[in-house]
Amino acid sequence: MKVTPLADRVMVKLEKNEAKTAGGIIIPDTAQEKTQTGSVVAVGDDKDVIKVKAGDKVMYDKYAGTQVKIDGVEHLILKMADIIAIIG
């Protein structure tokens, strides 16, 4: 399925949290902190507002956006204002 964000929205592929500590302890999904970083997959068409491009790794606000599952992979669609930093 192809999803294209509109206007000032950005689609980010979420990063997986490590499910095991360095000591070998497995952490259940319910105890893991929600990730706040991901890779930009697609951007909307408002070029005056959008400051990221596909492939950028970004950090975003904790409770921002709408989660969607596309072909079994978790993504987040959020407004450009919810992106707080480009990493790297």
PDB file of N, CA and C in Angstrom:
ATOM      1  N   MET A   1       0.840  -1.169   0.000  1.00  0.00           N
ATOM      2  CA  MET A   1       0.000   0.000   0.000  1.00  0.00           C
ATOM      3  C   MET A   1       0.894   1.244   0.000  1.00  0.00           C
ATOM      4  N   LYS A   2       0.548   2.238  -0.784  1.00  0.00           N
ATOM      5  CA  LYS A   2       1.310   3.478  -0.857  1.00  0.00           C
ATOM      6  C   LYS A   2       0.547   4.565  -0.115  1.00  0.00           C
ATOM      7  N   VAL A   3       1.225   5.246   0.802  1.00  0.00           N
ATOM      8  CA  VAL A   3       0.639   6.337   1.568  1.00  0.00           C
ATOM      9  C   VAL A   3       1.508   7.565   1.354  1.00  0.00           C
ATOM     10  N   THR A   4       0.888   8.683   0.976  1.00  0.00           N
ATOM     11  CA  THR A   4       1.603   9.930   0.769  1.00  0.00           C
ATOM     12  C   THR A   4       1.047  10.988   1.715  1.00  0.00           C
ATOM     13  N   PRO A   5       1.885  11.535   2.597  1.00  0.00           N
ATOM     14  CA  PRO A   5       1.399  12.583   3.496  1.00  0.00           C
ATOM     15  C   PRO A   5       1.066  13.855   2.719  1.00  0.00           C
ATOM     16  N   LEU A   6       0.130  14.630   3.250  1.00  0.00           N
ATOM     17  CA  LEU A   6      -0.296  15.866   2.608  1.00  0.00           C
ATOM     18  C   LEU A   6       0.192  17.080   3.388  1.00  0.00           C
ATOM     19  N   ALA A   7       0.259  18.215   2.708  1.00  0.00           N
ATOM     20  CA  ALA A   7       0.583  19.521   3.290  1.00  0.00           C
ATOM     21  C   ALA A   7       1.879  19.471   4.101  1.00  0.00           C
ATOM     22  N   ASP A   8       1.792  19.810   5.401  1.00  0.00           N
ATOM     23  CA  ASP A   8       2.995  19.907   6.235  1.00  0.00           C
ATOM     24  C   ASP A   8       3.238  18.646   7.057  1.00  0.00           C
ATOM     25  N   ARG A   9       2.794  17.515   6.575  1.00  0.00           N
ATOM     26  CA  ARG A   9       2.941  16.266   7.319  1.00  0.00           C
ATOM     27  C   ARG A   9       4.104  15.431   6.783  1.00  0.00           C
ATOM     28  N   VAL A  10       4.662  14.633   7.683  1.00  0.00           N
ATOM     29  CA  VAL A  10       5.821  13.801   7.376  1.00  0.00           C
ATOM     30  C   VAL A  10       5.522  12.385   7.851  1.00  0.00           C
ATOM     31  N   MET A  11       5.878  11.374   7.053  1.00  0.00           N
ATOM     32  CA  MET A  11       5.707   9.986   7.469  1.00  0.00           C
ATOM     33  C   MET A  11       7.066   9.439   7.887  1.00  0.00           C
ATOM     34  N   VAL A  12       7.100   8.878   9.111  1.00  0.00           N
ATOM     35  CA  VAL A  12       8.332   8.384   9.711  1.00  0.00           C
ATOM     36  C   VAL A  12       8.192   6.898  10.004  1.00  0.00           C
ATOM     37  N   LYS A  13       9.198   6.115   9.637  1.00  0.00           N
ATOM     38  CA  LYS A  13       9.243   4.694   9.992  1.00  0.00           C
ATOM     39  C   LYS A  13       9.842   4.609  11.386  1.00  0.00           C
ATOM     40  N   LEU A  14       9.101   3.994  12.315  1.00  0.00           N
ATOM     41  CA  LEU A  14       9.540   3.916  13.695  1.00  0.00           C
ATOM     42  C   LEU A  14      10.708   2.954  13.842  1.00  0.00           C
ATOM     43  N   GLU A  15      11.612   3.280  14.771  1.00  0.00           N
ATOM     44  CA  GLU A  15      12.718   2.391  15.080  1.00  0.00           C
ATOM     45  C   GLU A  15      12.275   1.395  16.129  1.00  0.00           C
ATOM     46  N   LYS A  16      12.750   0.181  16.012  1.00  0.00           N
ATOM     47  CA  LYS A  16      12.436  -0.869  16.986  1.00  0.00           C
ATOM     48  C   LYS A  16      13.275  -0.646  18.231  1.00  0.00           C
ATOM     49  N   ASN A  17      12.638  -0.818  19.397  1.00  0.00           N
ATOM     50  CA  ASN A  17      13.373  -0.803  20.661  1.00  0.00           C
ATOM     51  C   ASN A  17      14.039  -2.149  20.863  1.00  0.00           C
ATOM     52  N   GLU A  18      15.198  -2.144  21.488  1.00  0.00           N
ATOM     53  CA  GLU A  18      15.880  -3.386  21.819  1.00  0.00           C
ATOM     54  C   GLU A  18      15.073  -4.116  22.883  1.00  0.00           C
ATOM     55  N   ALA A  19      14.713  -5.358  22.630  1.00  0.00           N
ATOM     56  CA  ALA A  19      13.860  -6.115  23.549  1.00  0.00           C
ATOM     57  C   ALA A  19      14.659  -6.852  24.612  1.00  0.00           C
ATOM     58  N   LYS A  20      15.980  -6.741  24.561  1.00  0.00           N
ATOM     59  CA  LYS A  20      16.816  -7.450  25.521  1.00  0.00           C
ATOM     60  C   LYS A  20      17.914  -6.512  26.009  1.00  0.00           C
ATOM     61  N   THR A  21      18.175  -6.530  27.310  1.00  0.00           N
ATOM     62  CA  THR A  21      19.246  -5.711  27.868  1.00  0.00           C
ATOM     63  C   THR A  21      20.596  -6.338  27.552  1.00  0.00           C
ATOM     64  N   ALA A  22      21.663  -5.574  27.810  1.00  0.00           N
ATOM     65  CA  ALA A  22      23.008  -6.096  27.567  1.00  0.00           C
ATOM     66  C   ALA A  22      23.291  -7.318  28.436  1.00  0.00           C
ATOM     67  N   GLY A  23      22.650  -7.398  29.606  1.00  0.00           N
ATOM     68  CA  GLY A  23      22.834  -8.532  30.497  1.00  0.00           C
ATOM     69  C   GLY A  23      21.983  -9.738  30.133  1.00  0.00           C
ATOM     70  N   GLY A  24      21.141  -9.619  29.103  1.00  0.00           N
ATOM     71  CA  GLY A  24      20.341 -10.734  28.633  1.00  0.00           C
ATOM     72  C   GLY A  24      18.915 -10.770  29.160  1.00  0.00           C
ATOM     73  N   ILE A  25      18.503  -9.736  29.893  1.00  0.00           N
ATOM     74  CA  ILE A  25      17.140  -9.689  30.416  1.00  0.00           C
ATOM     75  C   ILE A  25      16.195  -9.233  29.316  1.00  0.00           C
ATOM     76  N   ILE A  26      15.127 -10.004  29.093  1.00  0.00           N
ATOM     77  CA  ILE A  26      14.140  -9.656  28.071  1.00  0.00           C
ATOM     78  C   ILE A  26      13.126  -8.685  28.666  1.00  0.00           C
ATOM     79  N   ILE A  27      12.889  -7.577  27.956  1.00  0.00           N
ATOM     80  CA  ILE A  27      11.952  -6.557  28.405  1.00  0.00           C
ATOM     81  C   ILE A  27      10.663  -6.698  27.612  1.00  0.00           C
ATOM     82  N   PRO A  28       9.508  -6.921  28.278  1.00  0.00           N
ATOM     83  CA  PRO A  28       8.238  -7.053  27.550  1.00  0.00           C
ATOM     84  C   PRO A  28       7.827  -5.726  26.914  1.00  0.00           C
ATOM     85  N   ASP A  29       7.044  -5.805  25.829  1.00  0.00           N
ATOM     86  CA  ASP A  29       6.595  -4.606  25.116  1.00  0.00           C
ATOM     87  C   ASP A  29       5.897  -3.618  26.029  1.00  0.00           C
ATOM     88  N   THR A  30       5.129  -4.113  26.992  1.00  0.00           N
ATOM     89  CA  THR A  30       4.374  -3.223  27.882  1.00  0.00           C
ATOM     90  C   THR A  30       5.271  -2.405  28.793  1.00  0.00           C
ATOM     91  N   ALA A  31       6.499  -2.843  29.022  1.00  0.00           N
ATOM     92  CA  ALA A  31       7.424  -2.134  29.905  1.00  0.00           C
ATOM     93  C   ALA A  31       8.388  -1.232  29.149  1.00  0.00           C
ATOM     94  N   GLN A  32       8.372  -1.294  27.825  1.00  0.00           N
ATOM     95  CA  GLN A  32       9.311  -0.507  27.041  1.00  0.00           C
ATOM     96  C   GLN A  32       8.797   0.907  26.817  1.00  0.00           C
ATOM     97  N   GLU A  33       9.710   1.839  26.805  1.00  0.00           N
ATOM     98  CA  GLU A  33       9.401   3.238  26.520  1.00  0.00           C
ATOM     99  C   GLU A  33       9.149   3.378  25.017  1.00  0.00           C
ATOM    100  N   LYS A  34       8.147   4.157  24.658  1.00  0.00           N
ATOM    101  CA  LYS A  34       7.843   4.406  23.249  1.00  0.00           C
ATOM    102  C   LYS A  34       9.032   5.128  22.597  1.00  0.00           C
ATOM    103  N   THR A  35       9.448   4.625  21.444  1.00  0.00           N
ATOM    104  CA  THR A  35      10.563   5.257  20.743  1.00  0.00           C
ATOM    105  C   THR A  35      10.179   6.648  20.259  1.00  0.00           C
ATOM    106  N   GLN A  36      11.137   7.551  20.220  1.00  0.00           N
ATOM    107  CA  GLN A  36      10.882   8.907  19.763  1.00  0.00           C
ATOM    108  C   GLN A  36      11.794   9.276  18.608  1.00  0.00           C
ATOM    109  N   THR A  37      12.325   8.277  17.930  1.00  0.00           N
ATOM    110  CA  THR A  37      13.153   8.512  16.756  1.00  0.00           C
ATOM    111  C   THR A  37      12.698   7.602  15.625  1.00  0.00           C
ATOM    112  N   GLY A  38      13.012   8.030  14.426  1.00  0.00           N
ATOM    113  CA  GLY A  38      12.672   7.231  13.267  1.00  0.00           C
ATOM    114  C   GLY A  38      13.275   7.826  12.010  1.00  0.00           C
ATOM    115  N   SER A  39      13.056   7.159  10.898  1.00  0.00           N
ATOM    116  CA  SER A  39      13.574   7.609   9.610  1.00  0.00           C
ATOM    117  C   SER A  39      12.442   8.128   8.749  1.00  0.00           C
ATOM    118  N   VAL A  40      12.657   9.279   8.129  1.00  0.00           N
ATOM    119  CA  VAL A  40      11.653   9.885   7.257  1.00  0.00           C
ATOM    120  C   VAL A  40      11.512   9.033   6.002  1.00  0.00           C
ATOM    121  N   VAL A  41      10.260   8.668   5.702  1.00  0.00           N
ATOM    122  CA  VAL A  41       9.963   7.848   4.530  1.00  0.00           C
ATOM    123  C   VAL A  41       9.395   8.710   3.408  1.00  0.00           C
ATOM    124  N   ALA A  42       8.508   9.645   3.763  1.00  0.00           N
ATOM    125  CA  ALA A  42       7.863  10.501   2.765  1.00  0.00           C
ATOM    126  C   ALA A  42       7.497  11.827   3.409  1.00  0.00           C
ATOM    127  N   VAL A  43       7.411  12.872   2.591  1.00  0.00           N
ATOM    128  CA  VAL A  43       7.055  14.202   3.078  1.00  0.00           C
ATOM    129  C   VAL A  43       5.899  14.766   2.261  1.00  0.00           C
ATOM    130  N   GLY A  44       5.160  15.687   2.873  1.00  0.00           N
ATOM    131  CA  GLY A  44       4.061  16.351   2.182  1.00  0.00           C
ATOM    132  C   GLY A  44       4.567  17.341   1.149  1.00  0.00           C
ATOM    133  N   ASP A  45       3.630  18.083   0.554  1.00  0.00           N
ATOM    134  CA  ASP A  45       3.993  18.971  -0.547  1.00  0.00           C
ATOM    135  C   ASP A  45       4.169  20.435  -0.144  1.00  0.00           C
ATOM    136  N   ASP A  46       4.126  20.767   1.152  1.00  0.00           N
ATOM    137  CA  ASP A  46       4.307  22.147   1.613  1.00  0.00           C
ATOM    138  C   ASP A  46       5.796  22.420   1.807  1.00  0.00           C
ATOM    139  N   LYS A  47       6.488  22.722   0.727  1.00  0.00           N
ATOM    140  CA  LYS A  47       7.942  22.881   0.731  1.00  0.00           C
ATOM    141  C   LYS A  47       8.409  24.087   1.546  1.00  0.00           C
ATOM    142  N   ASP A  48       7.528  25.056   1.824  1.00  0.00           N
ATOM    143  CA  ASP A  48       7.913  26.219   2.632  1.00  0.00           C
ATOM    144  C   ASP A  48       8.055  25.852   4.099  1.00  0.00           C
ATOM    145  N   VAL A  49       7.351  24.837   4.552  1.00  0.00           N
ATOM    146  CA  VAL A  49       7.332  24.451   5.963  1.00  0.00           C
ATOM    147  C   VAL A  49       8.235  23.252   6.236  1.00  0.00           C
ATOM    148  N   ILE A  50       8.284  22.292   5.329  1.00  0.00           N
ATOM    149  CA  ILE A  50       9.001  21.037   5.565  1.00  0.00           C
ATOM    150  C   ILE A  50      10.505  21.246   5.411  1.00  0.00           C
ATOM    151  N   LYS A  51      11.238  20.882   6.468  1.00  0.00           N
ATOM    152  CA  LYS A  51      12.691  21.069   6.509  1.00  0.00           C
ATOM    153  C   LYS A  51      13.454  19.751   6.529  1.00  0.00           C
ATOM    154  N   VAL A  52      12.768  18.623   6.322  1.00  0.00           N
ATOM    155  CA  VAL A  52      13.419  17.310   6.300  1.00  0.00           C
ATOM    156  C   VAL A  52      13.176  16.663   4.946  1.00  0.00           C
ATOM    157  N   LYS A  53      13.946  15.611   4.676  1.00  0.00           N
ATOM    158  CA  LYS A  53      13.785  14.879   3.415  1.00  0.00           C
ATOM    159  C   LYS A  53      13.811  13.388   3.697  1.00  0.00           C
ATOM    160  N   ALA A  54      13.369  12.604   2.755  1.00  0.00           N
ATOM    161  CA  ALA A  54      13.367  11.150   2.906  1.00  0.00           C
ATOM    162  C   ALA A  54      14.779  10.673   3.221  1.00  0.00           C
ATOM    163  N   GLY A  55      14.881   9.788   4.206  1.00  0.00           N
ATOM    164  CA  GLY A  55      16.179   9.264   4.614  1.00  0.00           C
ATOM    165  C   GLY A  55      16.736   9.911   5.870  1.00  0.00           C
ATOM    166  N   ASP A  56      16.245  11.106   6.226  1.00  0.00           N
ATOM    167  CA  ASP A  56      16.708  11.772   7.442  1.00  0.00           C
ATOM    168  C   ASP A  56      16.252  10.998   8.668  1.00  0.00           C
ATOM    169  N   LYS A  57      17.121  10.904   9.673  1.00  0.00           N
ATOM    170  CA  LYS A  57      16.743  10.326  10.960  1.00  0.00           C
ATOM    171  C   LYS A  57      16.328  11.491  11.852  1.00  0.00           C
ATOM    172  N   VAL A  58      15.136  11.397  12.450  1.00  0.00           N
ATOM    173  CA  VAL A  58      14.592  12.521  13.208  1.00  0.00           C
ATOM    174  C   VAL A  58      14.153  12.096  14.608  1.00  0.00           C
ATOM    175  N   MET A  59      14.050  13.099  15.484  1.00  0.00           N
ATOM    176  CA  MET A  59      13.501  12.933  16.824  1.00  0.00           C
ATOM    177  C   MET A  59      12.220  13.756  16.853  1.00  0.00           C
ATOM    178  N   TYR A  60      11.162  13.222  17.491  1.00  0.00           N
ATOM    179  CA  TYR A  60       9.874  13.912  17.493  1.00  0.00           C
ATOM    180  C   TYR A  60       9.269  13.898  18.892  1.00  0.00           C
ATOM    181  N   ASP A  61       8.254  14.753  19.098  1.00  0.00           N
ATOM    182  CA  ASP A  61       7.567  14.835  20.384  1.00  0.00           C
ATOM    183  C   ASP A  61       6.974  13.488  20.769  1.00  0.00           C
ATOM    184  N   LYS A  62       6.936  13.223  22.062  1.00  0.00           N
ATOM    185  CA  LYS A  62       6.545  11.920  22.590  1.00  0.00           C
ATOM    186  C   LYS A  62       5.143  11.472  22.179  1.00  0.00           C
ATOM    187  N   TYR A  63       4.155  12.343  22.246  1.00  0.00           N
ATOM    188  CA  TYR A  63       2.772  11.935  21.972  1.00  0.00           C
ATOM    189  C   TYR A  63       2.247  12.485  20.649  1.00  0.00           C
ATOM    190  N   ALA A  64       3.134  12.764  19.715  1.00  0.00           N
ATOM    191  CA  ALA A  64       2.757  13.376  18.447  1.00  0.00           C
ATOM    192  C   ALA A  64       2.315  12.336  17.420  1.00  0.00           C
ATOM    193  N   GLY A  65       1.515  12.781  16.473  1.00  0.00           N
ATOM    194  CA  GLY A  65       1.211  11.999  15.289  1.00  0.00           C
ATOM    195  C   GLY A  65       0.173  10.909  15.428  1.00  0.00           C
ATOM    196  N   THR A  66      -0.027  10.240  14.302  1.00  0.00           N
ATOM    197  CA  THR A  66      -0.978   9.139  14.183  1.00  0.00           C
ATOM    198  C   THR A  66      -0.227   7.908  13.713  1.00  0.00           C
ATOM    199  N   GLN A  67      -0.333   6.807  14.477  1.00  0.00           N
ATOM    200  CA  GLN A  67       0.338   5.579  14.080  1.00  0.00           C
ATOM    201  C   GLN A  67      -0.459   4.855  13.008  1.00  0.00           C
ATOM    202  N   VAL A  68       0.256   4.349  11.997  1.00  0.00           N
ATOM    203  CA  VAL A  68      -0.345   3.544  10.944  1.00  0.00           C
ATOM    204  C   VAL A  68       0.567   2.353  10.663  1.00  0.00           C
ATOM    205  N   LYS A  69      -0.028   1.241  10.306  1.00  0.00           N
ATOM    206  CA  LYS A  69       0.746   0.051   9.944  1.00  0.00           C
ATOM    207  C   LYS A  69       0.618  -0.120   8.436  1.00  0.00           C
ATOM    208  N   ILE A  70       1.751  -0.079   7.747  1.00  0.00           N
ATOM    209  CA  ILE A  70       1.767  -0.195   6.300  1.00  0.00           C
ATOM    210  C   ILE A  70       2.591  -1.426   5.943  1.00  0.00           C
ATOM    211  N   ASP A  71       1.943  -2.397   5.322  1.00  0.00           N
ATOM    212  CA  ASP A  71       2.592  -3.658   4.953  1.00  0.00           C
ATOM    213  C   ASP A  71       3.293  -4.298   6.152  1.00  0.00           C
ATOM    214  N   GLY A  72       2.661  -4.229   7.322  1.00  0.00           N
ATOM    215  CA  GLY A  72       3.187  -4.857   8.522  1.00  0.00           C
ATOM    216  C   GLY A  72       4.252  -4.068   9.260  1.00  0.00           C
ATOM    217  N   VAL A  73       4.554  -2.860   8.796  1.00  0.00           N
ATOM    218  CA  VAL A  73       5.600  -2.035   9.418  1.00  0.00           C
ATOM    219  C   VAL A  73       4.951  -0.800  10.050  1.00  0.00           C
ATOM    220  N   GLU A  74       5.331  -0.508  11.311  1.00  0.00           N
ATOM    221  CA  GLU A  74       4.780   0.640  12.029  1.00  0.00           C
ATOM    222  C   GLU A  74       5.375   1.953  11.508  1.00  0.00           C
ATOM    223  N   HIS A  75       4.490   2.909  11.204  1.00  0.00           N
ATOM    224  CA  HIS A  75       4.877   4.248  10.783  1.00  0.00           C
ATOM    225  C   HIS A  75       4.115   5.263  11.619  1.00  0.00           C
ATOM    226  N   LEU A  76       4.565   6.488  11.572  1.00  0.00           N
ATOM    227  CA  LEU A  76       3.904   7.580  12.259  1.00  0.00           C
ATOM    228  C   LEU A  76       3.771   8.732  11.272  1.00  0.00           C
ATOM    229  N   ILE A  77       2.571   9.300  11.172  1.00  0.00           N
ATOM    230  CA  ILE A  77       2.377  10.490  10.341  1.00  0.00           C
ATOM    231  C   ILE A  77       2.220  11.659  11.299  1.00  0.00           C
ATOM    232  N   LEU A  78       3.135  12.632  11.179  1.00  0.00           N
ATOM    233  CA  LEU A  78       3.101  13.763  12.095  1.00  0.00           C
ATOM    234  C   LEU A  78       3.323  15.074  11.374  1.00  0.00           C
ATOM    235  N   LYS A  79       2.967  16.160  12.043  1.00  0.00           N
ATOM    236  CA  LYS A  79       3.174  17.488  11.480  1.00  0.00           C
ATOM    237  C   LYS A  79       4.645  17.862  11.612  1.00  0.00           C
ATOM    238  N   MET A  80       5.114  18.694  10.702  1.00  0.00           N
ATOM    239  CA  MET A  80       6.507  19.129  10.735  1.00  0.00           C
ATOM    240  C   MET A  80       6.828  19.784  12.073  1.00  0.00           C
ATOM    241  N   ALA A  81       5.884  20.490  12.660  1.00  0.00           N
ATOM    242  CA  ALA A  81       6.111  21.175  13.944  1.00  0.00           C
ATOM    243  C   ALA A  81       6.390  20.196  15.079  1.00  0.00           C
ATOM    244  N   ASP A  82       5.982  18.935  14.928  1.00  0.00           N
ATOM    245  CA  ASP A  82       6.227  17.928  15.960  1.00  0.00           C
ATOM    246  C   ASP A  82       7.619  17.318  15.885  1.00  0.00           C
ATOM    247  N   ILE A  83       8.342  17.568  14.790  1.00  0.00           N
ATOM    248  CA  ILE A  83       9.713  17.086  14.670  1.00  0.00           C
ATOM    249  C   ILE A  83      10.606  18.098  15.365  1.00  0.00           C
ATOM    250  N   ILE A  84      11.394  17.602  16.338  1.00  0.00           N
ATOM    251  CA  ILE A  84      12.196  18.532  17.138  1.00  0.00           C
ATOM    252  C   ILE A  84      13.669  18.555  16.775  1.00  0.00           C
ATOM    253  N   ALA A  85      14.144  17.541  16.023  1.00  0.00           N
ATOM    254  CA  ALA A  85      15.560  17.534  15.652  1.00  0.00           C
ATOM    255  C   ALA A  85      15.820  16.547  14.523  1.00  0.00           C
ATOM    256  N   ILE A  86      16.867  16.838  13.753  1.00  0.00           N
ATOM    257  CA  ILE A  86      17.404  15.898  12.780  1.00  0.00           C
ATOM    258  C   ILE A  86      18.659  15.317  13.436  1.00  0.00           C
ATOM    259  N   ILE A  87      18.769  13.993  13.432  1.00  0.00           N
ATOM    260  CA  ILE A  87      19.883  13.314  14.097  1.00  0.00           C
ATOM    261  C   ILE A  87      20.950  12.965  13.056  1.00  0.00           C
ATOM    262  N   GLY A  88      22.198  13.276  13.389  1.00  0.00           N
ATOM    263  CA  GLY A  88      23.312  12.882  12.536  1.00  0.00           C
ATOM    264  C   GLY A  88      23.730  13.860  11.585  1.00  0.00           C
TER     265      GLY A  88
END
